[in-house]
Amino acid sequence: MASDINHVVLVGRLTRDAELKYIASGTAVARFSIACNRRKRSGEQWVDEVSYFDIVLWGKTAENLVKYLTKGTQVALDGELRQNRWEQDGQARSKVEIVANSIELLGSPRGGGAQRPGSEPPDVPGSREQEGPDTFEDDIPF
């Protein structure tokens, strides 16, 4: 029997500065959100469609990276989905967040400088027009 899989890999830009807090046990938790763009075809042109995701980062990683997690910074993260459930005013509520297991800083905020010395901007899927069925002029793409 196969086990379940809950794995998320994202590359996006922070929509706001990360907020660092500590829970009762003293463990650090940083919260922020990222925007991920996807190019899609609309008629004869390509348009960007944006999705927003809430991210949670725990422990020493959160403490060490929070000063770099500023609005506009591009990051790559690997994590899993978690659904928080609670009751508010007699209503059942829930929210899905991405708990980051690892995170890598890819670049500074737009207009805020260059990449790390010696590094090239990453080739991120969706960052360029992708070849696909919609990009061919013929009905049959071969």
Protein backbone atom coordinates (compact mmCIF):
# COMPACT_ATOMS: atom_id res chain seq x y z
CA MET A 1 0.00 0.00 0.00
CA ALA A 2 1.40 3.39 -0.97
CA SER A 3 1.73 6.13 1.59
CA ASP A 4 0.27 9.60 1.11
CA ILE A 5 2.39 12.42 -0.28
CA ASN A 6 2.24 16.01 0.89
CA HIS A 7 5.07 17.92 -0.77
CA VAL A 8 5.19 21.49 -2.07
CA VAL A 9 7.97 23.26 -3.98
CA LEU A 10 7.47 26.95 -4.77
CA VAL A 11 9.45 29.88 -6.12
CA GLY A 12 7.97 33.31 -5.59
CA ARG A 13 8.39 36.79 -4.13
CA LEU A 14 7.42 37.90 -0.64
CA THR A 15 4.33 40.11 -0.59
CA ARG A 16 5.26 41.57 2.82
CA ASP A 17 8.09 41.44 5.34
CA ALA A 18 8.18 38.27 7.45
CA GLU A 19 6.89 38.62 11.03
CA LEU A 20 8.83 36.78 13.75
CA LYS A 21 7.08 35.69 16.95
CA TYR A 22 7.74 33.16 19.69
CA ILE A 23 5.27 30.58 20.97
CA ALA A 24 4.94 29.76 24.71
CA SER A 25 7.72 27.13 24.54
CA GLY A 26 10.15 29.75 23.19
CA THR A 27 10.23 28.37 19.65
CA ALA A 28 10.49 30.98 16.91
CA VAL A 29 7.92 31.14 14.13
CA ALA A 30 8.08 33.43 11.08
CA ARG A 31 5.03 34.05 8.92
CA PHE A 32 4.93 35.65 5.48
CA SER A 33 3.24 35.21 2.14
CA ILE A 34 4.57 34.83 -1.36
CA ALA A 35 3.17 35.52 -4.81
CA CYS A 36 3.78 33.03 -7.62
CA ASN A 37 3.09 34.04 -11.21
CA ARG A 38 1.88 31.69 -13.90
CA ARG A 39 1.79 32.60 -17.58
CA LYS A 40 -1.31 31.55 -19.44
CA ARG A 41 -2.71 32.24 -22.83
CA SER A 42 -5.73 34.50 -23.11
CA GLY A 43 -6.84 34.74 -26.71
CA GLU A 44 -3.83 35.77 -28.76
CA GLN A 45 -1.70 37.05 -25.88
CA TRP A 46 0.05 35.74 -22.77
CA VAL A 47 -1.05 37.10 -19.39
CA ASP A 48 0.27 36.60 -15.86
CA GLU A 49 -2.01 35.00 -13.31
CA VAL A 50 -0.86 35.34 -9.70
CA SER A 51 -1.48 33.00 -6.76
CA TYR A 52 -0.76 33.91 -3.13
CA PHE A 53 0.40 31.45 -0.48
CA ASP A 54 0.83 31.84 3.29
CA ILE A 55 4.12 30.41 4.55
CA VAL A 56 5.21 29.37 8.07
CA LEU A 57 8.88 28.87 8.97
CA TRP A 58 9.91 27.45 12.36
CA GLY A 59 12.88 27.43 14.74
CA LYS A 60 16.43 28.63 14.20
CA THR A 61 15.87 28.88 10.46
CA ALA A 62 13.14 31.44 11.10
CA GLU A 63 15.35 33.41 13.51
CA ASN A 64 18.33 33.40 11.13
CA LEU A 65 16.46 34.30 7.95
CA VAL A 66 13.80 36.77 9.12
CA LYS A 67 16.05 39.80 8.50
CA TYR A 68 16.43 38.73 4.85
CA LEU A 69 12.77 37.87 4.29
CA THR A 70 11.61 41.28 3.15
CA LYS A 71 8.92 42.34 0.72
CA GLY A 72 9.91 41.60 -2.89
CA THR A 73 12.66 39.09 -2.08
CA GLN A 74 12.55 36.00 -4.29
CA VAL A 75 12.72 32.67 -2.45
CA ALA A 76 12.56 28.98 -3.26
CA LEU A 77 11.00 26.77 -0.64
CA ASP A 78 10.28 23.15 -0.01
CA GLY A 79 7.56 22.21 2.44
CA GLU A 80 4.19 20.67 3.07
CA LEU A 81 0.57 21.76 3.34
CA ARG A 82 -1.01 22.00 6.77
CA GLN A 83 -4.64 22.70 7.50
CA ASN A 84 -5.39 24.61 10.69
CA ARG A 85 -8.91 24.21 12.08
CA TRP A 86 -10.64 26.27 14.77
CA GLU A 87 -14.01 27.56 15.83
CA GLN A 88 -14.87 31.26 15.85
CA ASP A 89 -18.26 32.66 16.87
CA GLY A 90 -19.74 29.16 16.65
CA GLN A 91 -18.53 28.75 13.06
CA ALA A 92 -16.01 26.11 11.99
CA ARG A 93 -13.03 27.78 10.28
CA SER A 94 -9.97 26.43 8.51
CA LYS A 95 -6.93 27.74 6.70
CA VAL A 96 -4.29 25.94 4.64
CA GLU A 97 -0.70 27.13 5.06
CA ILE A 98 2.60 25.90 3.71
CA VAL A 99 5.07 24.88 6.40
CA ALA A 100 8.53 25.38 4.91
CA ASN A 101 11.07 22.66 5.63
CA SER A 102 13.83 24.45 3.73
CA ILE A 103 14.13 27.83 2.09
CA GLU A 104 16.68 29.44 -0.19
CA LEU A 105 17.08 33.13 -0.91
CA LEU A 106 17.28 33.62 -4.68
CA GLY A 107 17.47 37.37 -5.06
CA SER A 108 16.95 40.75 -3.51
CA PRO A 109 13.79 42.76 -3.79
CA ARG A 110 13.17 44.09 -7.31
CA GLY A 111 15.28 47.12 -7.97
CA GLY A 112 17.23 46.42 -4.79
CA GLY A 113 20.43 45.06 -6.26
CA ALA A 114 21.87 42.09 -8.06
CA GLN A 115 21.99 38.40 -7.37
CA ARG A 116 24.64 36.94 -5.10
CA PRO A 117 28.12 37.31 -6.64
CA GLY A 118 28.85 34.57 -9.15
CA SER A 119 25.27 33.35 -9.38
CA GLU A 120 22.92 33.54 -12.30
CA PRO A 121 19.19 34.09 -11.90
CA PRO A 122 17.51 30.69 -11.64
CA ASP A 123 15.63 29.21 -14.54
CA VAL A 124 12.22 29.05 -12.90
CA PRO A 125 9.45 27.08 -14.58
CA GLY A 126 6.79 29.52 -15.71
CA SER A 127 9.16 32.49 -15.73
CA ARG A 128 9.38 32.37 -19.52
CA GLU A 129 6.87 31.49 -22.17
CA GLN A 130 6.58 27.75 -22.03
CA GLU A 131 6.34 25.52 -25.05
CA GLY A 132 3.01 23.83 -25.08
CA PRO A 133 0.05 23.02 -27.24
CA ASP A 134 -1.07 26.66 -27.29
CA THR A 135 2.24 27.86 -28.77
CA PHE A 136 1.96 25.94 -32.04
CA GLU A 137 0.39 27.54 -35.07
CA ASP A 138 -0.91 24.27 -36.50
CA ASP A 139 -3.59 22.13 -34.97
CA ILE A 140 -1.15 19.21 -34.71
CA PRO A 141 2.16 20.09 -32.98
CA PHE A 142 4.40 17.72 -35.04
